[in-house]
Amino acid sequence: MTTIFHQLWYVATGGMRSWYEAKMFIEHASVVSSDALHLLVGTLGWLLVAFVLRKPITRWAPWLILLGLIAFNEAVDLWIERWPDLAMQYGETAKDVFLTMVLPTALMFAARLRPSLFRAPAPRRKRAR
């Protein structure tokens, strides 16, 4: 039984390492900073989740799924990376979560509270002479 758990542990760690290495490749091959990538990926990921689920961006489901994906991503970072100072690593994790969620959160609440901001203006009527 212990062997099965060791094998599962090995497979899980290998999968997480592969995910982490793919992320690092994208980050280092990108022309934008890591922080900017968090903003872009968070917003585009949120819109993609909403599109796939066929839910408006005003619903909680796309936002919560994005939050879950971010939690998984940051858990992988904490699992794979080992910083000498855990406080710095946790601070970086908190910053990454904030940067990834800030635009989807702001846009979701703006769309919920002021939907008129996201509509095209009504066409102007011509005045009768």
N, C-alpha and C. Protein backbone atom coordinates (compact mmCIF):
# COMPACT_ATOMS: atom_id res chain seq x y z
N MET A 1 0.82 -1.20 0.00
CA MET A 1 0.00 0.00 0.00
C MET A 1 0.86 1.25 0.00
N THR A 2 1.95 1.22 0.74
CA THR A 2 2.85 2.38 0.80
C THR A 2 3.45 2.66 -0.57
N THR A 3 3.72 1.61 -1.33
CA THR A 3 4.31 1.78 -2.66
C THR A 3 3.36 2.55 -3.57
N ILE A 4 2.08 2.28 -3.46
CA ILE A 4 1.09 2.99 -4.29
C ILE A 4 1.10 4.48 -3.96
N PHE A 5 1.15 4.81 -2.67
CA PHE A 5 1.19 6.21 -2.28
C PHE A 5 2.47 6.89 -2.76
N HIS A 6 3.57 6.17 -2.70
CA HIS A 6 4.84 6.73 -3.21
C HIS A 6 4.76 6.97 -4.71
N GLN A 7 4.15 6.05 -5.42
CA GLN A 7 4.00 6.23 -6.87
C GLN A 7 3.07 7.41 -7.18
N LEU A 8 1.97 7.51 -6.45
CA LEU A 8 1.07 8.65 -6.65
C LEU A 8 1.77 9.96 -6.33
N TRP A 9 2.55 9.97 -5.26
CA TRP A 9 3.31 11.16 -4.88
C TRP A 9 4.29 11.54 -6.00
N TYR A 10 4.96 10.55 -6.55
CA TYR A 10 5.93 10.78 -7.63
C TYR A 10 5.23 11.34 -8.87
N VAL A 11 4.09 10.77 -9.22
CA VAL A 11 3.34 11.23 -10.40
C VAL A 11 2.83 12.66 -10.18
N ALA A 12 2.28 12.91 -9.00
CA ALA A 12 1.76 14.26 -8.70
C ALA A 12 2.89 15.28 -8.73
N THR A 13 4.01 14.96 -8.13
CA THR A 13 5.14 15.88 -8.12
C THR A 13 5.67 16.10 -9.54
N GLY A 14 5.72 15.05 -10.33
CA GLY A 14 6.18 15.18 -11.72
C GLY A 14 5.25 16.06 -12.53
N GLY A 15 3.95 15.89 -12.35
CA GLY A 15 2.98 16.73 -13.06
C GLY A 15 3.09 18.18 -12.65
N MET A 16 3.25 18.42 -11.35
CA MET A 16 3.39 19.80 -10.88
C MET A 16 4.69 20.42 -11.38
N ARG A 17 5.77 19.63 -11.40
CA ARG A 17 7.04 20.15 -11.90
C ARG A 17 6.93 20.50 -13.38
N SER A 18 6.25 19.67 -14.15
CA SER A 18 6.07 19.96 -15.58
C SER A 18 5.27 21.25 -15.77
N TRP A 19 4.19 21.43 -15.01
CA TRP A 19 3.41 22.66 -15.07
C TRP A 19 4.28 23.86 -14.72
N TYR A 20 5.05 23.74 -13.66
CA TYR A 20 5.91 24.83 -13.20
C TYR A 20 6.94 25.18 -14.28
N GLU A 21 7.57 24.17 -14.87
CA GLU A 21 8.59 24.42 -15.90
C GLU A 21 7.98 25.06 -17.15
N ALA A 22 6.76 24.65 -17.52
CA ALA A 22 6.09 25.28 -18.66
C ALA A 22 5.81 26.75 -18.37
N LYS A 23 5.37 27.03 -17.14
CA LYS A 23 5.13 28.42 -16.74
C LYS A 23 6.41 29.24 -16.79
N MET A 24 7.49 28.68 -16.30
CA MET A 24 8.76 29.40 -16.29
C MET A 24 9.24 29.67 -17.72
N PHE A 25 9.04 28.70 -18.62
CA PHE A 25 9.41 28.91 -20.02
C PHE A 25 8.64 30.09 -20.60
N ILE A 26 7.33 30.10 -20.38
CA ILE A 26 6.50 31.19 -20.91
C ILE A 26 6.93 32.52 -20.30
N GLU A 27 7.17 32.53 -19.00
CA GLU A 27 7.56 33.76 -18.32
C GLU A 27 8.88 34.31 -18.86
N HIS A 28 9.86 33.42 -19.09
CA HIS A 28 11.16 33.88 -19.57
C HIS A 28 11.17 34.17 -21.07
N ALA A 29 10.27 33.55 -21.82
CA ALA A 29 10.19 33.80 -23.26
C ALA A 29 9.34 35.03 -23.57
N SER A 30 8.60 35.51 -22.60
CA SER A 30 7.68 36.63 -22.80
C SER A 30 8.42 37.96 -22.80
N VAL A 31 7.83 38.92 -23.48
CA VAL A 31 8.41 40.26 -23.52
C VAL A 31 7.86 41.15 -22.41
N VAL A 32 6.89 40.64 -21.64
CA VAL A 32 6.33 41.42 -20.55
C VAL A 32 6.78 40.82 -19.22
N SER A 33 6.68 41.62 -18.18
CA SER A 33 7.13 41.18 -16.85
C SER A 33 6.20 40.12 -16.28
N SER A 34 6.67 39.45 -15.27
CA SER A 34 5.87 38.43 -14.59
C SER A 34 4.59 39.02 -14.02
N ASP A 35 4.69 40.21 -13.43
CA ASP A 35 3.51 40.86 -12.86
C ASP A 35 2.49 41.20 -13.94
N ALA A 36 2.96 41.68 -15.08
CA ALA A 36 2.05 41.99 -16.18
C ALA A 36 1.40 40.71 -16.72
N LEU A 37 2.15 39.62 -16.73
CA LEU A 37 1.57 38.35 -17.17
C LEU A 37 0.42 37.92 -16.26
N HIS A 38 0.58 38.15 -14.96
CA HIS A 38 -0.51 37.82 -14.03
C HIS A 38 -1.76 38.62 -14.37
N LEU A 39 -1.61 39.89 -14.65
CA LEU A 39 -2.77 40.72 -15.02
C LEU A 39 -3.42 40.22 -16.31
N LEU A 40 -2.58 39.93 -17.31
CA LEU A 40 -3.11 39.49 -18.60
C LEU A 40 -3.76 38.12 -18.52
N VAL A 41 -3.06 37.18 -17.93
CA VAL A 41 -3.58 35.81 -17.86
C VAL A 41 -4.83 35.76 -17.00
N GLY A 42 -4.86 36.52 -15.91
CA GLY A 42 -6.05 36.53 -15.06
C GLY A 42 -7.27 37.03 -15.81
N THR A 43 -7.12 38.13 -16.51
CA THR A 43 -8.26 38.72 -17.23
C THR A 43 -8.68 37.84 -18.41
N LEU A 44 -7.71 37.40 -19.21
CA LEU A 44 -8.05 36.55 -20.35
C LEU A 44 -8.59 35.20 -19.90
N GLY A 45 -8.02 34.64 -18.84
CA GLY A 45 -8.52 33.37 -18.32
C GLY A 45 -9.95 33.48 -17.82
N TRP A 46 -10.24 34.57 -17.12
CA TRP A 46 -11.59 34.81 -16.61
C TRP A 46 -12.60 34.92 -17.76
N LEU A 47 -12.24 35.68 -18.80
CA LEU A 47 -13.12 35.81 -19.96
C LEU A 47 -13.29 34.48 -20.68
N LEU A 48 -12.22 33.70 -20.78
CA LEU A 48 -12.30 32.39 -21.42
C LEU A 48 -13.20 31.45 -20.63
N VAL A 49 -13.07 31.44 -19.32
CA VAL A 49 -13.94 30.59 -18.48
C VAL A 49 -15.39 31.01 -18.67
N ALA A 50 -15.67 32.30 -18.66
CA ALA A 50 -17.05 32.78 -18.86
C ALA A 50 -17.58 32.35 -20.23
N PHE A 51 -16.73 32.43 -21.25
CA PHE A 51 -17.12 32.04 -22.60
C PHE A 51 -17.42 30.54 -22.67
N VAL A 52 -16.54 29.73 -22.11
CA VAL A 52 -16.71 28.27 -22.15
C VAL A 52 -17.96 27.85 -21.36
N LEU A 53 -18.18 28.47 -20.23
CA LEU A 53 -19.36 28.15 -19.41
C LEU A 53 -20.64 28.77 -19.96
N ARG A 54 -20.49 29.70 -20.90
CA ARG A 54 -21.63 30.45 -21.44
C ARG A 54 -22.35 31.21 -20.34
N LYS A 55 -21.56 31.81 -19.48
CA LYS A 55 -22.08 32.61 -18.38
C LYS A 55 -21.63 34.04 -18.57
N PRO A 56 -22.45 35.00 -18.20
CA PRO A 56 -22.01 36.39 -18.28
C PRO A 56 -20.93 36.67 -17.24
N ILE A 57 -20.15 37.70 -17.50
CA ILE A 57 -19.07 38.03 -16.56
C ILE A 57 -19.60 38.59 -15.25
N THR A 58 -20.89 38.84 -15.18
CA THR A 58 -21.48 39.33 -13.93
C THR A 58 -21.76 38.19 -12.95
N ARG A 59 -21.66 36.96 -13.38
CA ARG A 59 -21.92 35.81 -12.52
C ARG A 59 -20.67 35.45 -11.72
N TRP A 60 -20.89 34.80 -10.60
CA TRP A 60 -19.79 34.41 -9.72
C TRP A 60 -19.03 33.20 -10.23
N ALA A 61 -19.66 32.31 -11.00
CA ALA A 61 -19.03 31.05 -11.40
C ALA A 61 -17.70 31.26 -12.12
N PRO A 62 -17.61 32.10 -13.16
CA PRO A 62 -16.31 32.28 -13.82
C PRO A 62 -15.24 32.84 -12.87
N TRP A 63 -15.65 33.75 -12.01
CA TRP A 63 -14.71 34.35 -11.06
C TRP A 63 -14.21 33.30 -10.07
N LEU A 64 -15.12 32.47 -9.55
CA LEU A 64 -14.73 31.44 -8.58
C LEU A 64 -13.85 30.36 -9.22
N ILE A 65 -14.15 29.99 -10.45
CA ILE A 65 -13.32 29.01 -11.14
C ILE A 65 -11.92 29.57 -11.36
N LEU A 66 -11.83 30.84 -11.77
CA LEU A 66 -10.53 31.47 -11.91
C LEU A 66 -9.78 31.47 -10.59
N LEU A 67 -10.46 31.79 -9.50
CA LEU A 67 -9.82 31.78 -8.19
C LEU A 67 -9.31 30.38 -7.84
N GLY A 68 -10.07 29.36 -8.17
CA GLY A 68 -9.62 27.98 -7.94
C GLY A 68 -8.39 27.63 -8.75
N LEU A 69 -8.38 28.06 -10.02
CA LEU A 69 -7.22 27.80 -10.87
C LEU A 69 -5.98 28.53 -10.34
N ILE A 70 -6.18 29.73 -9.86
CA ILE A 70 -5.06 30.50 -9.29
C ILE A 70 -4.56 29.83 -8.02
N ALA A 71 -5.48 29.34 -7.20
CA ALA A 71 -5.08 28.64 -5.98
C ALA A 71 -4.24 27.41 -6.32
N PHE A 72 -4.66 26.66 -7.34
CA PHE A 72 -3.87 25.51 -7.78
C PHE A 72 -2.49 25.95 -8.26
N ASN A 73 -2.46 26.98 -9.09
CA ASN A 73 -1.20 27.47 -9.64
C ASN A 73 -0.24 27.91 -8.54
N GLU A 74 -0.75 28.64 -7.58
CA GLU A 74 0.12 29.12 -6.49
C GLU A 74 0.52 27.98 -5.56
N ALA A 75 -0.35 26.98 -5.41
CA ALA A 75 0.02 25.80 -4.61
C ALA A 75 1.18 25.06 -5.28
N VAL A 76 1.15 24.97 -6.61
CA VAL A 76 2.26 24.36 -7.34
C VAL A 76 3.55 25.14 -7.09
N ASP A 77 3.47 26.46 -7.15
CA ASP A 77 4.65 27.28 -6.89
C ASP A 77 5.20 27.01 -5.49
N LEU A 78 4.31 26.97 -4.50
CA LEU A 78 4.76 26.72 -3.12
C LEU A 78 5.32 25.31 -2.96
N TRP A 79 4.80 24.36 -3.71
CA TRP A 79 5.24 22.98 -3.63
C TRP A 79 6.63 22.82 -4.25
N ILE A 80 6.83 23.43 -5.41
CA ILE A 80 8.06 23.22 -6.17
C ILE A 80 9.19 24.15 -5.71
N GLU A 81 8.87 25.42 -5.56
CA GLU A 81 9.91 26.39 -5.17
C GLU A 81 10.18 26.30 -3.68
N ARG A 82 11.42 26.51 -3.30
CA ARG A 82 11.81 26.58 -1.89
C ARG A 82 12.68 27.81 -1.71
N TRP A 83 12.07 28.87 -1.18
CA TRP A 83 12.80 30.10 -0.93
C TRP A 83 13.46 30.03 0.44
N PRO A 84 14.60 30.70 0.60
CA PRO A 84 15.24 30.71 1.92
C PRO A 84 14.38 31.40 2.98
N ASP A 85 13.59 32.37 2.57
CA ASP A 85 12.75 33.12 3.50
C ASP A 85 11.28 32.87 3.14
N LEU A 86 10.57 32.09 3.96
CA LEU A 86 9.17 31.77 3.66
C LEU A 86 8.28 33.00 3.64
N ALA A 87 8.60 34.00 4.46
CA ALA A 87 7.77 35.21 4.47
C ALA A 87 7.81 35.89 3.11
N MET A 88 8.98 35.92 2.49
CA MET A 88 9.09 36.51 1.14
C MET A 88 8.31 35.68 0.13
N GLN A 89 8.38 34.37 0.24
CA GLN A 89 7.68 33.50 -0.70
C GLN A 89 6.17 33.65 -0.55
N TYR A 90 5.68 33.69 0.68
CA TYR A 90 4.25 33.87 0.89
C TYR A 90 3.80 35.26 0.44
N GLY A 91 4.64 36.25 0.64
CA GLY A 91 4.33 37.60 0.15
C GLY A 91 4.22 37.64 -1.36
N GLU A 92 5.13 36.95 -2.02
CA GLU A 92 5.09 36.87 -3.49
C GLU A 92 3.83 36.14 -3.95
N THR A 93 3.45 35.10 -3.24
CA THR A 93 2.22 34.37 -3.56
C THR A 93 1.00 35.27 -3.42
N ALA A 94 0.94 36.02 -2.33
CA ALA A 94 -0.18 36.94 -2.11
C ALA A 94 -0.23 38.00 -3.21
N LYS A 95 0.93 38.51 -3.60
CA LYS A 95 0.98 39.51 -4.67
C LYS A 95 0.49 38.91 -5.99
N ASP A 96 0.90 37.68 -6.29
CA ASP A 96 0.47 37.02 -7.52
C ASP A 96 -1.04 36.83 -7.55
N VAL A 97 -1.62 36.39 -6.43
CA VAL A 97 -3.07 36.21 -6.36
C VAL A 97 -3.77 37.55 -6.55
N PHE A 98 -3.28 38.58 -5.88
CA PHE A 98 -3.89 39.91 -6.01
C PHE A 98 -3.83 40.39 -7.46
N LEU A 99 -2.65 40.33 -8.08
CA LEU A 99 -2.50 40.83 -9.45
C LEU A 99 -3.37 40.05 -10.44
N THR A 100 -3.51 38.75 -10.22
CA THR A 100 -4.29 37.93 -11.15
C THR A 100 -5.79 38.19 -11.00
N MET A 101 -6.23 38.51 -9.79
CA MET A 101 -7.66 38.67 -9.54
C MET A 101 -8.16 40.11 -9.60
N VAL A 102 -7.26 41.09 -9.56
CA VAL A 102 -7.71 42.48 -9.42
C VAL A 102 -8.57 42.95 -10.60
N LEU A 103 -8.14 42.71 -11.83
CA LEU A 103 -8.93 43.17 -12.98
C LEU A 103 -10.23 42.38 -13.15
N PRO A 104 -10.22 41.05 -13.07
CA PRO A 104 -11.50 40.35 -13.14
C PRO A 104 -12.48 40.80 -12.05
N THR A 105 -11.98 41.05 -10.86
CA THR A 105 -12.85 41.49 -9.76
C THR A 105 -13.42 42.87 -10.06
N ALA A 106 -12.56 43.79 -10.46
CA ALA A 106 -13.02 45.15 -10.75
C ALA A 106 -14.02 45.16 -11.91
N LEU A 107 -13.72 44.40 -12.97
CA LEU A 107 -14.63 44.37 -14.12
C LEU A 107 -15.95 43.68 -13.79
N MET A 108 -15.90 42.61 -12.98
CA MET A 108 -17.14 41.94 -12.61
C MET A 108 -18.04 42.87 -11.81
N PHE A 109 -17.47 43.56 -10.82
CA PHE A 109 -18.29 44.46 -10.02
C PHE A 109 -18.76 45.67 -10.83
N ALA A 110 -17.93 46.16 -11.73
CA ALA A 110 -18.36 47.27 -12.58
C ALA A 110 -19.53 46.83 -13.47
N ALA A 111 -19.43 45.62 -14.03
CA ALA A 111 -20.50 45.12 -14.89
C ALA A 111 -21.78 44.84 -14.09
N ARG A 112 -21.63 44.44 -12.83
CA ARG A 112 -22.80 44.17 -11.99
C ARG A 112 -23.46 45.47 -11.51
N LEU A 113 -22.63 46.43 -11.13
CA LEU A 113 -23.16 47.66 -10.53
C LEU A 113 -23.52 48.73 -11.56
N ARG A 114 -22.80 48.77 -12.65
CA ARG A 114 -23.05 49.77 -13.70
C ARG A 114 -23.04 49.11 -15.08
N PRO A 115 -24.03 48.29 -15.39
CA PRO A 115 -24.04 47.59 -16.68
C PRO A 115 -24.06 48.54 -17.87
N SER A 116 -24.53 49.76 -17.65
CA SER A 116 -24.57 50.72 -18.76
C SER A 116 -23.17 51.06 -19.28
N LEU A 117 -22.16 50.86 -18.46
CA LEU A 117 -20.79 51.10 -18.90
C LEU A 117 -20.35 50.12 -20.00
N PHE A 118 -21.05 48.99 -20.10
CA PHE A 118 -20.64 47.93 -21.01
C PHE A 118 -21.58 47.80 -22.20
N ARG A 119 -22.42 48.79 -22.41
CA ARG A 119 -23.34 48.78 -23.54
C ARG A 119 -22.93 49.85 -24.53
N ALA A 120 -23.24 49.59 -25.78
CA ALA A 120 -23.02 50.60 -26.80
C ALA A 120 -24.04 51.72 -26.59
N PRO A 121 -23.66 52.95 -26.87
CA PRO A 121 -24.63 54.04 -26.70
C PRO A 121 -25.79 53.87 -27.69
N ALA A 122 -26.95 54.31 -27.25
CA ALA A 122 -28.13 54.24 -28.13
C ALA A 122 -27.92 55.15 -29.32
N PRO A 123 -28.38 54.73 -30.49
CA PRO A 123 -28.22 55.60 -31.66
C PRO A 123 -29.01 56.89 -31.48
N ARG A 124 -28.45 57.97 -31.97
CA ARG A 124 -29.12 59.27 -31.86
C ARG A 124 -30.23 59.37 -32.89
N ARG A 125 -31.32 59.92 -32.46
CA ARG A 125 -32.45 60.13 -33.37
C ARG A 125 -32.28 61.43 -34.10
N LYS A 126 -32.66 61.43 -35.32
CA LYS A 126 -32.62 62.67 -36.08
C LYS A 126 -33.85 63.48 -35.75
N ARG A 127 -33.64 64.76 -35.59
CA ARG A 127 -34.76 65.65 -35.30
C ARG A 127 -35.57 65.95 -36.54
N ALA A 128 -36.87 65.98 -36.37
CA ALA A 128 -37.74 66.33 -37.49
C ALA A 128 -37.72 67.84 -37.64
N ARG A 129 -37.69 68.34 -38.85
CA ARG A 129 -37.63 69.80 -39.08
C ARG A 129 -38.95 70.35 -39.38
